Amino acid sequence: MRPNVIDQINNSTADEVVQASFGILDSLQNLNPPGIRLPAIAILFLLLCKRFNINSPELLSKSGRMLNDSLLQGKGEHVRAIRQYLDNEM
């Protein structure tokens, strides 16, 4: 039985998601310049949402709340690390 992705999203913690984001970001560092990388990420996001029948605007909204929650829960070090990585490595 295939796991229910919406349940996984709803049960994930902000900290888990932010840490996973850092891992994805690290793997993207050496890919095309940002003008290519950003739309490529957007296309992949949209295709993944379609594949798992997820409303992309709703997921973006939920992800924004997770980002804010991460900062409010005192676990913002991961978000700050991502911001610093973006500033210094990309």
N, C-alpha and C. Protein backbone atom coordinates (compact mmCIF):
# COMPACT_ATOMS: atom_id res chain seq x y z
N MET A 1 0.84 -1.19 0.00
CA MET A 1 0.00 0.00 0.00
C MET A 1 0.88 1.25 0.00
N ARG A 2 0.60 2.17 -0.89
CA ARG A 2 1.36 3.40 -1.01
C ARG A 2 1.02 4.34 0.15
N PRO A 3 2.06 4.95 0.76
CA PRO A 3 1.76 5.87 1.86
C PRO A 3 0.95 7.07 1.38
N ASN A 4 0.10 7.57 2.24
CA ASN A 4 -0.71 8.74 1.92
C ASN A 4 0.14 9.98 2.13
N VAL A 5 0.49 10.65 1.04
CA VAL A 5 1.39 11.79 1.09
C VAL A 5 0.77 12.94 1.87
N ILE A 6 -0.52 13.15 1.75
CA ILE A 6 -1.17 14.23 2.48
C ILE A 6 -1.07 13.98 3.99
N ASP A 7 -1.25 12.73 4.42
CA ASP A 7 -1.07 12.40 5.84
C ASP A 7 0.37 12.66 6.27
N GLN A 8 1.32 12.29 5.43
CA GLN A 8 2.73 12.53 5.75
C GLN A 8 3.01 14.03 5.89
N ILE A 9 2.44 14.82 5.00
CA ILE A 9 2.61 16.28 5.07
C ILE A 9 2.01 16.80 6.37
N ASN A 10 0.80 16.38 6.66
CA ASN A 10 0.11 16.86 7.85
C ASN A 10 0.78 16.42 9.15
N ASN A 11 1.47 15.29 9.13
CA ASN A 11 2.12 14.78 10.33
C ASN A 11 3.59 15.19 10.45
N SER A 12 4.12 15.88 9.46
CA SER A 12 5.52 16.29 9.53
C SER A 12 5.66 17.51 10.42
N THR A 13 6.83 17.63 11.02
CA THR A 13 7.10 18.79 11.86
C THR A 13 7.84 19.84 11.05
N ALA A 14 7.74 21.08 11.48
CA ALA A 14 8.45 22.16 10.81
C ALA A 14 9.95 21.87 10.80
N ASP A 15 10.46 21.37 11.91
CA ASP A 15 11.89 21.09 12.01
C ASP A 15 12.32 20.02 11.00
N GLU A 16 11.54 18.97 10.86
CA GLU A 16 11.85 17.91 9.89
C GLU A 16 11.89 18.47 8.47
N VAL A 17 10.90 19.29 8.16
CA VAL A 17 10.78 19.82 6.80
C VAL A 17 11.92 20.78 6.49
N VAL A 18 12.27 21.62 7.45
CA VAL A 18 13.36 22.57 7.22
C VAL A 18 14.69 21.83 7.06
N GLN A 19 14.92 20.80 7.86
CA GLN A 19 16.15 20.02 7.72
C GLN A 19 16.21 19.32 6.36
N ALA A 20 15.08 18.78 5.91
CA ALA A 20 15.04 18.16 4.59
C ALA A 20 15.30 19.20 3.50
N SER A 21 14.79 20.41 3.69
CA SER A 21 15.02 21.49 2.74
C SER A 21 16.51 21.78 2.58
N PHE A 22 17.22 21.75 3.70
CA PHE A 22 18.66 22.01 3.64
C PHE A 22 19.36 20.93 2.82
N GLY A 23 18.96 19.69 3.00
CA GLY A 23 19.56 18.60 2.22
C GLY A 23 19.30 18.75 0.73
N ILE A 24 18.10 19.16 0.37
CA ILE A 24 17.77 19.38 -1.04
C ILE A 24 18.58 20.55 -1.58
N LEU A 25 18.66 21.62 -0.81
CA LEU A 25 19.43 22.79 -1.22
C LEU A 25 20.89 22.43 -1.46
N ASP A 26 21.46 21.65 -0.59
CA ASP A 26 22.85 21.25 -0.73
C ASP A 26 23.08 20.49 -2.03
N SER A 27 22.13 19.65 -2.41
CA SER A 27 22.28 18.88 -3.64
C SER A 27 22.12 19.73 -4.90
N LEU A 28 21.51 20.91 -4.77
CA LEU A 28 21.28 21.79 -5.91
C LEU A 28 22.42 22.78 -6.16
N GLN A 29 23.33 22.88 -5.22
CA GLN A 29 24.34 23.93 -5.26
C GLN A 29 25.09 24.01 -6.58
N ASN A 30 25.45 22.90 -7.14
CA ASN A 30 26.29 22.92 -8.34
C ASN A 30 25.52 22.81 -9.65
N LEU A 31 24.21 22.90 -9.57
CA LEU A 31 23.42 22.85 -10.79
C LEU A 31 23.43 24.21 -11.48
N ASN A 32 22.71 24.31 -12.54
CA ASN A 32 22.65 25.50 -13.40
C ASN A 32 22.55 26.80 -12.60
N PRO A 33 22.77 27.93 -13.25
CA PRO A 33 22.65 29.21 -12.56
C PRO A 33 21.21 29.42 -12.06
N PRO A 34 21.03 30.35 -11.09
CA PRO A 34 19.71 30.55 -10.50
C PRO A 34 18.59 30.81 -11.52
N GLY A 35 18.90 31.45 -12.63
CA GLY A 35 17.88 31.72 -13.64
C GLY A 35 17.34 30.46 -14.27
N ILE A 36 18.08 29.38 -14.21
CA ILE A 36 17.62 28.07 -14.69
C ILE A 36 17.13 27.24 -13.51
N ARG A 37 17.86 27.29 -12.41
CA ARG A 37 17.57 26.48 -11.23
C ARG A 37 16.18 26.77 -10.66
N LEU A 38 15.82 28.02 -10.53
CA LEU A 38 14.54 28.37 -9.91
C LEU A 38 13.33 27.86 -10.68
N PRO A 39 13.24 28.11 -11.99
CA PRO A 39 12.09 27.54 -12.70
C PRO A 39 12.13 26.01 -12.74
N ALA A 40 13.33 25.42 -12.73
CA ALA A 40 13.42 23.96 -12.70
C ALA A 40 12.82 23.42 -11.41
N ILE A 41 13.13 24.08 -10.30
CA ILE A 41 12.56 23.68 -9.01
C ILE A 41 11.04 23.86 -9.03
N ALA A 42 10.58 24.96 -9.60
CA ALA A 42 9.14 25.22 -9.66
C ALA A 42 8.42 24.16 -10.50
N ILE A 43 9.01 23.79 -11.63
CA ILE A 43 8.41 22.76 -12.47
C ILE A 43 8.35 21.43 -11.72
N LEU A 44 9.42 21.09 -11.06
CA LEU A 44 9.43 19.84 -10.30
C LEU A 44 8.37 19.87 -9.19
N PHE A 45 8.27 21.00 -8.49
CA PHE A 45 7.24 21.15 -7.46
C PHE A 45 5.84 20.93 -8.04
N LEU A 46 5.56 21.58 -9.15
CA LEU A 46 4.23 21.44 -9.76
C LEU A 46 3.96 20.01 -10.22
N LEU A 47 4.97 19.37 -10.80
CA LEU A 47 4.79 17.98 -11.24
C LEU A 47 4.59 17.03 -10.06
N LEU A 48 5.31 17.27 -8.97
CA LEU A 48 5.12 16.44 -7.77
C LEU A 48 3.73 16.64 -7.18
N CYS A 49 3.28 17.87 -7.14
CA CYS A 49 1.92 18.13 -6.64
C CYS A 49 0.88 17.43 -7.51
N LYS A 50 1.06 17.50 -8.81
CA LYS A 50 0.12 16.83 -9.71
C LYS A 50 0.18 15.32 -9.52
N ARG A 51 1.39 14.78 -9.38
CA ARG A 51 1.57 13.33 -9.23
C ARG A 51 0.83 12.82 -7.99
N PHE A 52 0.89 13.59 -6.89
CA PHE A 52 0.29 13.16 -5.64
C PHE A 52 -1.06 13.82 -5.38
N ASN A 53 -1.59 14.49 -6.41
CA ASN A 53 -2.92 15.10 -6.33
C ASN A 53 -3.03 16.06 -5.14
N ILE A 54 -2.06 16.96 -5.07
CA ILE A 54 -1.99 17.94 -3.99
C ILE A 54 -2.18 19.33 -4.59
N ASN A 55 -2.99 20.14 -3.95
CA ASN A 55 -3.23 21.51 -4.40
C ASN A 55 -1.96 22.33 -4.12
N SER A 56 -1.28 22.78 -5.17
CA SER A 56 0.01 23.46 -5.00
C SER A 56 -0.09 24.77 -4.21
N PRO A 57 -1.10 25.63 -4.43
CA PRO A 57 -1.18 26.83 -3.60
C PRO A 57 -1.40 26.52 -2.12
N GLU A 58 -2.18 25.49 -1.83
CA GLU A 58 -2.40 25.10 -0.43
C GLU A 58 -1.10 24.60 0.20
N LEU A 59 -0.34 23.83 -0.57
CA LEU A 59 0.92 23.32 -0.04
C LEU A 59 1.93 24.45 0.18
N LEU A 60 1.95 25.41 -0.72
CA LEU A 60 2.83 26.57 -0.51
C LEU A 60 2.43 27.34 0.75
N SER A 61 1.14 27.50 0.96
CA SER A 61 0.66 28.18 2.16
C SER A 61 1.03 27.41 3.42
N LYS A 62 0.82 26.11 3.41
CA LYS A 62 1.17 25.28 4.55
C LYS A 62 2.68 25.32 4.80
N SER A 63 3.46 25.30 3.74
CA SER A 63 4.91 25.35 3.87
C SER A 63 5.36 26.68 4.47
N GLY A 64 4.69 27.76 4.09
CA GLY A 64 4.99 29.06 4.67
C GLY A 64 4.70 29.08 6.16
N ARG A 65 3.61 28.44 6.54
CA ARG A 65 3.29 28.36 7.97
C ARG A 65 4.33 27.52 8.71
N MET A 66 4.79 26.44 8.07
CA MET A 66 5.82 25.61 8.69
C MET A 66 7.11 26.41 8.89
N LEU A 67 7.45 27.21 7.90
CA LEU A 67 8.64 28.05 8.01
C LEU A 67 8.50 29.00 9.19
N ASN A 68 7.36 29.65 9.31
CA ASN A 68 7.11 30.56 10.43
C ASN A 68 7.11 29.80 11.76
N ASP A 69 6.50 28.63 11.78
CA ASP A 69 6.48 27.82 13.00
C ASP A 69 7.89 27.45 13.43
N SER A 70 8.72 27.12 12.46
CA SER A 70 10.10 26.77 12.78
C SER A 70 10.80 27.92 13.48
N LEU A 71 10.54 29.12 13.02
CA LEU A 71 11.16 30.30 13.64
C LEU A 71 10.56 30.56 15.02
N LEU A 72 9.26 30.34 15.19
CA LEU A 72 8.59 30.62 16.45
C LEU A 72 8.87 29.57 17.52
N GLN A 73 9.17 28.36 17.11
CA GLN A 73 9.38 27.27 18.07
C GLN A 73 10.79 27.29 18.66
N GLY A 74 11.56 28.32 18.36
CA GLY A 74 12.91 28.39 18.87
C GLY A 74 13.87 27.47 18.15
N LYS A 75 13.44 26.98 16.99
CA LYS A 75 14.29 26.08 16.21
C LYS A 75 14.70 26.75 14.91
N GLY A 76 14.78 28.05 14.95
CA GLY A 76 15.09 28.81 13.76
C GLY A 76 16.52 28.68 13.29
N GLU A 77 17.35 27.95 14.04
CA GLU A 77 18.75 27.82 13.61
C GLU A 77 18.86 27.15 12.25
N HIS A 78 17.95 26.23 11.96
CA HIS A 78 17.99 25.57 10.65
C HIS A 78 17.61 26.53 9.54
N VAL A 79 16.61 27.37 9.79
CA VAL A 79 16.21 28.36 8.80
C VAL A 79 17.34 29.37 8.60
N ARG A 80 17.94 29.80 9.70
CA ARG A 80 19.06 30.74 9.59
C ARG A 80 20.23 30.11 8.83
N ALA A 81 20.46 28.82 9.06
CA ALA A 81 21.53 28.13 8.33
C ALA A 81 21.24 28.09 6.83
N ILE A 82 19.98 27.86 6.47
CA ILE A 82 19.62 27.86 5.05
C ILE A 82 19.81 29.25 4.46
N ARG A 83 19.37 30.27 5.16
CA ARG A 83 19.54 31.65 4.66
C ARG A 83 21.01 31.98 4.49
N GLN A 84 21.82 31.59 5.46
CA GLN A 84 23.25 31.86 5.37
C GLN A 84 23.87 31.09 4.19
N TYR A 85 23.45 29.86 4.02
CA TYR A 85 23.94 29.04 2.91
C TYR A 85 23.57 29.70 1.58
N LEU A 86 22.34 30.16 1.47
CA LEU A 86 21.91 30.83 0.25
C LEU A 86 22.73 32.09 -0.01
N ASP A 87 22.99 32.85 1.04
CA ASP A 87 23.77 34.09 0.90
C ASP A 87 25.22 33.84 0.50
N ASN A 88 25.79 32.77 1.03
CA ASN A 88 27.23 32.55 0.85
C ASN A 88 27.60 31.54 -0.22
N GLU A 89 26.70 30.62 -0.55
CA GLU A 89 27.05 29.53 -1.46
C GLU A 89 26.37 29.59 -2.81
N MET A 90 25.33 30.38 -2.94
CA MET A 90 24.60 30.38 -4.20
C MET A 90 24.69 31.72 -4.85
